[in-house]
PDB file of N, CA and C in Angstrom:
ATOM      1  N   MET A   1       3.022  13.172  -5.914  1.00  0.00           N
ATOM      2  CA  MET A   1       3.955  12.560  -6.818  1.00  0.00           C
ATOM      3  C   MET A   1       4.536  11.304  -6.197  1.00  0.00           C
ATOM      4  N   ALA A   2       4.577  10.245  -6.925  1.00  0.00           N
ATOM      5  CA  ALA A   2       5.056   8.951  -6.436  1.00  0.00           C
ATOM      6  C   ALA A   2       6.561   8.955  -6.270  1.00  0.00           C
ATOM      7  N   SER A   3       7.027   8.341  -5.184  1.00  0.00           N
ATOM      8  CA  SER A   3       8.474   8.195  -4.975  1.00  0.00           C
ATOM      9  C   SER A   3       9.015   7.118  -5.903  1.00  0.00           C
ATOM     10  N   GLN A   4      10.336   7.053  -6.005  1.00  0.00           N
ATOM     11  CA  GLN A   4      10.950   6.026  -6.833  1.00  0.00           C
ATOM     12  C   GLN A   4      10.554   4.627  -6.354  1.00  0.00           C
ATOM     13  N   HIS A   5      10.537   4.460  -5.049  1.00  0.00           N
ATOM     14  CA  HIS A   5      10.196   3.150  -4.474  1.00  0.00           C
ATOM     15  C   HIS A   5       8.733   2.801  -4.800  1.00  0.00           C
ATOM     16  N   GLN A   6       7.841   3.779  -4.703  1.00  0.00           N
ATOM     17  CA  GLN A   6       6.438   3.549  -5.006  1.00  0.00           C
ATOM     18  C   GLN A   6       6.243   3.203  -6.467  1.00  0.00           C
ATOM     19  N   THR A   7       6.957   3.920  -7.346  1.00  0.00           N
ATOM     20  CA  THR A   7       6.878   3.626  -8.786  1.00  0.00           C
ATOM     21  C   THR A   7       7.353   2.212  -9.070  1.00  0.00           C
ATOM     22  N   LYS A   8       8.417   1.789  -8.372  1.00  0.00           N
ATOM     23  CA  LYS A   8       8.937   0.415  -8.554  1.00  0.00           C
ATOM     24  C   LYS A   8       7.890  -0.599  -8.091  1.00  0.00           C
ATOM     25  N   LEU A   9       7.252  -0.335  -6.953  1.00  0.00           N
ATOM     26  CA  LEU A   9       6.213  -1.246  -6.454  1.00  0.00           C
ATOM     27  C   LEU A   9       5.049  -1.352  -7.416  1.00  0.00           C
ATOM     28  N   ILE A  10       4.612  -0.207  -7.953  1.00  0.00           N
ATOM     29  CA  ILE A  10       3.487  -0.249  -8.922  1.00  0.00           C
ATOM     30  C   ILE A  10       3.851  -1.131 -10.104  1.00  0.00           C
ATOM     31  N   LYS A  11       5.025  -0.944 -10.652  1.00  0.00           N
ATOM     32  CA  LYS A  11       5.473  -1.751 -11.777  1.00  0.00           C
ATOM     33  C   LYS A  11       5.561  -3.236 -11.435  1.00  0.00           C
ATOM     34  N   GLU A  12       6.118  -3.535 -10.260  1.00  0.00           N
ATOM     35  CA  GLU A  12       6.277  -4.901  -9.799  1.00  0.00           C
ATOM     36  C   GLU A  12       4.926  -5.605  -9.703  1.00  0.00           C
ATOM     37  N   TYR A  13       3.946  -4.954  -9.070  1.00  0.00           N
ATOM     38  CA  TYR A  13       2.651  -5.630  -8.875  1.00  0.00           C
ATOM     39  C   TYR A  13       1.842  -5.673 -10.177  1.00  0.00           C
ATOM     40  N   LYS A  14       2.001  -4.684 -11.044  1.00  0.00           N
ATOM     41  CA  LYS A  14       1.352  -4.766 -12.366  1.00  0.00           C
ATOM     42  C   LYS A  14       1.902  -5.957 -13.124  1.00  0.00           C
ATOM     43  N   ASN A  15       3.217  -6.167 -13.037  1.00  0.00           N
ATOM     44  CA  ASN A  15       3.835  -7.300 -13.741  1.00  0.00           C
ATOM     45  C   ASN A  15       3.362  -8.643 -13.164  1.00  0.00           C
ATOM     46  N   LYS A  16       2.907  -8.645 -11.913  1.00  0.00           N
ATOM     47  CA  LYS A  16       2.363  -9.865 -11.295  1.00  0.00           C
ATOM     48  C   LYS A  16       0.870 -10.047 -11.628  1.00  0.00           C
ATOM     49  N   GLY A  17       0.300  -9.150 -12.440  1.00  0.00           N
ATOM     50  CA  GLY A  17      -1.081  -9.282 -12.839  1.00  0.00           C
ATOM     51  C   GLY A  17      -2.071  -8.513 -12.004  1.00  0.00           C
ATOM     52  N   TYR A  18      -1.616  -7.686 -11.104  1.00  0.00           N
ATOM     53  CA  TYR A  18      -2.517  -6.906 -10.251  1.00  0.00           C
ATOM     54  C   TYR A  18      -2.978  -5.635 -10.956  1.00  0.00           C
ATOM     55  N   TYR A  19      -4.145  -5.180 -10.652  1.00  0.00           N
ATOM     56  CA  TYR A  19      -4.663  -3.857 -11.034  1.00  0.00           C
ATOM     57  C   TYR A  19      -4.296  -2.974  -9.853  1.00  0.00           C
ATOM     58  N   VAL A  20      -3.406  -2.007 -10.079  1.00  0.00           N
ATOM     59  CA  VAL A  20      -2.833  -1.204  -8.991  1.00  0.00           C
ATOM     60  C   VAL A  20      -3.434   0.217  -9.009  1.00  0.00           C
ATOM     61  N   ILE A  21      -3.951   0.625  -7.855  1.00  0.00           N
ATOM     62  CA  ILE A  21      -4.511   1.973  -7.704  1.00  0.00           C
ATOM     63  C   ILE A  21      -3.688   2.719  -6.669  1.00  0.00           C
ATOM     64  N   ASN A  22      -3.218   3.924  -7.041  1.00  0.00           N
ATOM     65  CA  ASN A  22      -2.483   4.793  -6.113  1.00  0.00           C
ATOM     66  C   ASN A  22      -3.533   5.624  -5.386  1.00  0.00           C
ATOM     67  N   LEU A  23      -3.692   5.370  -4.088  1.00  0.00           N
ATOM     68  CA  LEU A  23      -4.716   6.041  -3.301  1.00  0.00           C
ATOM     69  C   LEU A  23      -4.202   7.381  -2.806  1.00  0.00           C
ATOM     70  N   ILE A  24      -4.269   8.393  -3.642  1.00  0.00           N
ATOM     71  CA  ILE A  24      -3.714   9.707  -3.353  1.00  0.00           C
ATOM     72  C   ILE A  24      -4.552  10.446  -2.341  1.00  0.00           C
ATOM     73  N   LYS A  25      -5.837  10.564  -2.554  1.00  0.00           N
ATOM     74  CA  LYS A  25      -6.738  11.295  -1.643  1.00  0.00           C
ATOM     75  C   LYS A  25      -7.956  10.443  -1.420  1.00  0.00           C
ATOM     76  N   THR A  26      -8.201  10.073  -0.153  1.00  0.00           N
ATOM     77  CA  THR A  26      -9.372   9.270   0.199  1.00  0.00           C
ATOM     78  C   THR A  26     -10.080   9.896   1.376  1.00  0.00           C
ATOM     79  N   ASN A  27     -11.198   9.322   1.717  1.00  0.00           N
ATOM     80  CA  ASN A  27     -11.922   9.804   2.917  1.00  0.00           C
ATOM     81  C   ASN A  27     -11.354   9.205   4.210  1.00  0.00           C
ATOM     82  N   LYS A  28     -10.326   8.387   4.102  1.00  0.00           N
ATOM     83  CA  LYS A  28      -9.698   7.754   5.271  1.00  0.00           C
ATOM     84  C   LYS A  28      -8.245   8.205   5.348  1.00  0.00           C
ATOM     85  N   ASN A  29      -7.961   9.151   6.244  1.00  0.00           N
ATOM     86  CA  ASN A  29      -6.568   9.541   6.428  1.00  0.00           C
ATOM     87  C   ASN A  29      -5.758   8.362   6.933  1.00  0.00           C
ATOM     88  N   GLY A  30      -4.511   8.266   6.482  1.00  0.00           N
ATOM     89  CA  GLY A  30      -3.596   7.215   6.933  1.00  0.00           C
ATOM     90  C   GLY A  30      -3.738   5.908   6.161  1.00  0.00           C
ATOM     91  N   ILE A  31      -4.602   5.856   5.165  1.00  0.00           N
ATOM     92  CA  ILE A  31      -4.769   4.646   4.378  1.00  0.00           C
ATOM     93  C   ILE A  31      -3.482   4.386   3.584  1.00  0.00           C
ATOM     94  N   PRO A  32      -3.077   3.128   3.385  1.00  0.00           N
ATOM     95  CA  PRO A  32      -1.860   2.837   2.620  1.00  0.00           C
ATOM     96  C   PRO A  32      -1.911   3.454   1.234  1.00  0.00           C
ATOM     97  N   ASP A  33      -0.723   3.622   0.632  1.00  0.00           N
ATOM     98  CA  ASP A  33      -0.561   4.296  -0.642  1.00  0.00           C
ATOM     99  C   ASP A  33      -1.175   3.553  -1.813  1.00  0.00           C
ATOM    100  N   LEU A  34      -1.048   2.237  -1.799  1.00  0.00           N
ATOM    101  CA  LEU A  34      -1.462   1.438  -2.986  1.00  0.00           C
ATOM    102  C   LEU A  34      -2.488   0.398  -2.638  1.00  0.00           C
ATOM    103  N   LEU A  35      -3.439   0.214  -3.536  1.00  0.00           N
ATOM    104  CA  LEU A  35      -4.420  -0.869  -3.487  1.00  0.00           C
ATOM    105  C   LEU A  35      -4.194  -1.733  -4.691  1.00  0.00           C
ATOM    106  N   CYS A  36      -3.898  -3.011  -4.463  1.00  0.00           N
ATOM    107  CA  CYS A  36      -3.605  -3.967  -5.550  1.00  0.00           C
ATOM    108  C   CYS A  36      -4.720  -5.018  -5.594  1.00  0.00           C
ATOM    109  N   LEU A  37      -5.330  -5.126  -6.757  1.00  0.00           N
ATOM    110  CA  LEU A  37      -6.444  -6.040  -6.934  1.00  0.00           C
ATOM    111  C   LEU A  37      -6.133  -7.072  -8.001  1.00  0.00           C
ATOM    112  N   LYS A  38      -6.530  -8.324  -7.737  1.00  0.00           N
ATOM    113  CA  LYS A  38      -6.310  -9.419  -8.703  1.00  0.00           C
ATOM    114  C   LYS A  38      -7.404 -10.444  -8.515  1.00  0.00           C
ATOM    115  N   ASP A  39      -7.963 -10.905  -9.590  1.00  0.00           N
ATOM    116  CA  ASP A  39      -9.040 -11.881  -9.550  1.00  0.00           C
ATOM    117  C   ASP A  39      -8.588 -13.105  -8.759  1.00  0.00           C
ATOM    118  N   GLY A  40      -9.416 -13.505  -7.803  1.00  0.00           N
ATOM    119  CA  GLY A  40      -9.134 -14.672  -6.993  1.00  0.00           C
ATOM    120  C   GLY A  40      -8.223 -14.421  -5.798  1.00  0.00           C
ATOM    121  N   GLU A  41      -7.778 -13.196  -5.631  1.00  0.00           N
ATOM    122  CA  GLU A  41      -6.878 -12.821  -4.514  1.00  0.00           C
ATOM    123  C   GLU A  41      -7.577 -11.812  -3.614  1.00  0.00           C
ATOM    124  N   ARG A  42      -7.167 -11.809  -2.339  1.00  0.00           N
ATOM    125  CA  ARG A  42      -7.676 -10.782  -1.435  1.00  0.00           C
ATOM    126  C   ARG A  42      -7.062  -9.441  -1.810  1.00  0.00           C
ATOM    127  N   PRO A  43      -7.824  -8.363  -1.623  1.00  0.00           N
ATOM    128  CA  PRO A  43      -7.241  -7.050  -1.858  1.00  0.00           C
ATOM    129  C   PRO A  43      -5.991  -6.838  -1.007  1.00  0.00           C
ATOM    130  N   LEU A  44      -5.008  -6.180  -1.583  1.00  0.00           N
ATOM    131  CA  LEU A  44      -3.702  -5.978  -0.966  1.00  0.00           C
ATOM    132  C   LEU A  44      -3.431  -4.487  -0.852  1.00  0.00           C
ATOM    133  N   PHE A  45      -3.149  -4.017   0.352  1.00  0.00           N
ATOM    134  CA  PHE A  45      -2.825  -2.626   0.609  1.00  0.00           C
ATOM    135  C   PHE A  45      -1.334  -2.528   0.951  1.00  0.00           C
ATOM    136  N   ILE A  46      -0.640  -1.602   0.281  1.00  0.00           N
ATOM    137  CA  ILE A  46       0.789  -1.440   0.527  1.00  0.00           C
ATOM    138  C   ILE A  46       1.101   0.006   0.900  1.00  0.00           C
ATOM    139  N   GLU A  47       1.746   0.205   2.018  1.00  0.00           N
ATOM    140  CA  GLU A  47       2.250   1.524   2.387  1.00  0.00           C
ATOM    141  C   GLU A  47       3.713   1.556   1.941  1.00  0.00           C
ATOM    142  N   SER A  48       4.030   2.510   1.081  1.00  0.00           N
ATOM    143  CA  SER A  48       5.392   2.640   0.545  1.00  0.00           C
ATOM    144  C   SER A  48       6.149   3.668   1.332  1.00  0.00           C
ATOM    145  N   LYS A  49       7.321   3.293   1.809  1.00  0.00           N
ATOM    146  CA  LYS A  49       8.159   4.221   2.575  1.00  0.00           C
ATOM    147  C   LYS A  49       9.569   4.221   2.038  1.00  0.00           C
ATOM    148  N   GLU A  50      10.147   5.415   1.974  1.00  0.00           N
ATOM    149  CA  GLU A  50      11.556   5.526   1.634  1.00  0.00           C
ATOM    150  C   GLU A  50      12.377   5.047   2.833  1.00  0.00           C
ATOM    151  N   LYS A  51      13.668   4.808   2.608  1.00  0.00           N
ATOM    152  CA  LYS A  51      14.539   4.180   3.591  1.00  0.00           C
ATOM    153  C   LYS A  51      14.479   4.852   4.977  1.00  0.00           C
ATOM    154  N   ASN A  52      14.520   6.162   5.039  1.00  0.00           N
ATOM    155  CA  ASN A  52      14.577   6.848   6.333  1.00  0.00           C
ATOM    156  C   ASN A  52      13.205   7.332   6.825  1.00  0.00           C
ATOM    157  N   ASP A  53      12.181   6.990   6.130  1.00  0.00           N
ATOM    158  CA  ASP A  53      10.830   7.437   6.508  1.00  0.00           C
ATOM    159  C   ASP A  53      10.229   6.466   7.495  1.00  0.00           C
ATOM    160  N   THR A  54       9.378   6.973   8.406  1.00  0.00           N
ATOM    161  CA  THR A  54       8.757   6.108   9.409  1.00  0.00           C
ATOM    162  C   THR A  54       7.238   6.212   9.317  1.00  0.00           C
ATOM    163  N   LEU A  55       6.572   5.178   9.813  1.00  0.00           N
ATOM    164  CA  LEU A  55       5.128   5.166   9.874  1.00  0.00           C
ATOM    165  C   LEU A  55       4.605   6.106  10.937  1.00  0.00           C
ATOM    166  N   LYS A  56       3.557   6.788  10.617  1.00  0.00           N
ATOM    167  CA  LYS A  56       2.854   7.611  11.613  1.00  0.00           C
ATOM    168  C   LYS A  56       1.872   6.717  12.370  1.00  0.00           C
ATOM    169  N   PRO A  57       1.521   7.085  13.606  1.00  0.00           N
ATOM    170  CA  PRO A  57       0.597   6.241  14.381  1.00  0.00           C
ATOM    171  C   PRO A  57      -0.714   5.974  13.630  1.00  0.00           C
ATOM    172  N   LEU A  58      -1.253   6.933  12.918  1.00  0.00           N
ATOM    173  CA  LEU A  58      -2.502   6.696  12.198  1.00  0.00           C
ATOM    174  C   LEU A  58      -2.295   5.681  11.081  1.00  0.00           C
ATOM    175  N   GLN A  59      -1.156   5.710  10.417  1.00  0.00           N
ATOM    176  CA  GLN A  59      -0.868   4.696   9.394  1.00  0.00           C
ATOM    177  C   GLN A  59      -0.761   3.312   9.989  1.00  0.00           C
ATOM    178  N   GLU A  60      -0.128   3.190  11.139  1.00  0.00           N
ATOM    179  CA  GLU A  60      -0.051   1.910  11.834  1.00  0.00           C
ATOM    180  C   GLU A  60      -1.459   1.416  12.179  1.00  0.00           C
ATOM    181  N   PHE A  61      -2.319   2.326  12.679  1.00  0.00           N
ATOM    182  CA  PHE A  61      -3.687   1.969  13.017  1.00  0.00           C
ATOM    183  C   PHE A  61      -4.426   1.473  11.773  1.00  0.00           C
ATOM    184  N   ARG A  62      -4.303   2.185  10.654  1.00  0.00           N
ATOM    185  CA  ARG A  62      -5.027   1.786   9.412  1.00  0.00           C
ATOM    186  C   ARG A  62      -4.595   0.404   8.939  1.00  0.00           C
ATOM    187  N   ILE A  63      -3.307   0.099   9.040  1.00  0.00           N
ATOM    188  CA  ILE A  63      -2.846  -1.221   8.606  1.00  0.00           C
ATOM    189  C   ILE A  63      -3.434  -2.293   9.506  1.00  0.00           C
ATOM    190  N   ARG A  64      -3.432  -2.066  10.802  1.00  0.00           N
ATOM    191  CA  ARG A  64      -4.071  -3.025  11.743  1.00  0.00           C
ATOM    192  C   ARG A  64      -5.555  -3.151  11.440  1.00  0.00           C
ATOM    193  N   GLU A  65      -6.214  -2.019  11.177  1.00  0.00           N
ATOM    194  CA  GLU A  65      -7.646  -2.013  10.909  1.00  0.00           C
ATOM    195  C   GLU A  65      -7.944  -2.861   9.626  1.00  0.00           C
ATOM    196  N   LEU A  66      -7.162  -2.627   8.554  1.00  0.00           N
ATOM    197  CA  LEU A  66      -7.387  -3.378   7.323  1.00  0.00           C
ATOM    198  C   LEU A  66      -7.170  -4.889   7.527  1.00  0.00           C
ATOM    199  N   LYS A  67      -6.121  -5.243   8.288  1.00  0.00           N
ATOM    200  CA  LYS A  67      -5.863  -6.649   8.565  1.00  0.00           C
ATOM    201  C   LYS A  67      -7.019  -7.258   9.366  1.00  0.00           C
ATOM    202  N   SER A  68      -7.599  -6.504  10.288  1.00  0.00           N
ATOM    203  CA  SER A  68      -8.699  -7.021  11.100  1.00  0.00           C
ATOM    204  C   SER A  68      -9.959  -7.235  10.235  1.00  0.00           C
ATOM    205  N   LEU A  69     -10.037  -6.538   9.113  1.00  0.00           N
ATOM    206  CA  LEU A  69     -11.145  -6.693   8.193  1.00  0.00           C
ATOM    207  C   LEU A  69     -10.898  -7.823   7.182  1.00  0.00           C
ATOM    208  N   GLY A  70      -9.745  -8.492   7.294  1.00  0.00           N
ATOM    209  CA  GLY A  70      -9.443  -9.625   6.448  1.00  0.00           C
ATOM    210  C   GLY A  70      -8.654  -9.295   5.179  1.00  0.00           C
ATOM    211  N   PHE A  71      -8.141  -8.078   5.093  1.00  0.00           N
ATOM    212  CA  PHE A  71      -7.322  -7.697   3.951  1.00  0.00           C
ATOM    213  C   PHE A  71      -5.845  -7.918   4.261  1.00  0.00           C
ATOM    214  N   ASP A  72      -5.058  -8.048   3.245  1.00  0.00           N
ATOM    215  CA  ASP A  72      -3.601  -8.070   3.411  1.00  0.00           C
ATOM    216  C   ASP A  72      -3.120  -6.632   3.367  1.00  0.00           C
ATOM    217  N   ALA A  73      -2.311  -6.227   4.304  1.00  0.00           N
ATOM    218  CA  ALA A  73      -1.764  -4.862   4.374  1.00  0.00           C
ATOM    219  C   ALA A  73      -0.382  -4.926   4.973  1.00  0.00           C
ATOM    220  N   PHE A  74       0.558  -4.205   4.372  1.00  0.00           N
ATOM    221  CA  PHE A  74       1.913  -4.211   4.915  1.00  0.00           C
ATOM    222  C   PHE A  74       2.664  -2.967   4.421  1.00  0.00           C
ATOM    223  N   VAL A  75       3.839  -2.768   5.001  1.00  0.00           N
ATOM    224  CA  VAL A  75       4.701  -1.675   4.661  1.00  0.00           C
ATOM    225  C   VAL A  75       5.856  -2.216   3.819  1.00  0.00           C
ATOM    226  N   SER A  76       6.182  -1.504   2.734  1.00  0.00           N
ATOM    227  CA  SER A  76       7.348  -1.850   1.940  1.00  0.00           C
ATOM    228  C   SER A  76       8.300  -0.655   1.991  1.00  0.00           C
ATOM    229  N   LYS A  77       9.536  -0.932   2.485  1.00  0.00           N
ATOM    230  CA  LYS A  77      10.551   0.141   2.597  1.00  0.00           C
ATOM    231  C   LYS A  77      11.594  -0.038   1.528  1.00  0.00           C
ATOM    232  N   SER A  78      12.048   1.090   0.977  1.00  0.00           N
ATOM    233  CA  SER A  78      13.157   1.012   0.008  1.00  0.00           C
ATOM    234  C   SER A  78      14.430   0.653   0.763  1.00  0.00           C
ATOM    235  N   LYS A  79      15.369   0.158   0.009  1.00  0.00           N
ATOM    236  CA  LYS A  79      16.630  -0.305   0.628  1.00  0.00           C
ATOM    237  C   LYS A  79      17.670   0.790   0.606  1.00  0.00           C
TER     238      LYS A  79
END
């Protein structure tokens, strides 16, 4: 189930014209929560975290891995 922050992010990026996929179960543990796609833009991966939640080491690794492959990847924390 998506958190309030994740639901807000999905709406925000859809409004920006992105096709947003919530990556619930994949073959890659630690992959960011959202994949945002838009014609002419690099794929964007977003890890959604609530205010007091922290990244696990595997999540940090996946974000670095995605960046090394030329994708945009970042963490968005709720306020």
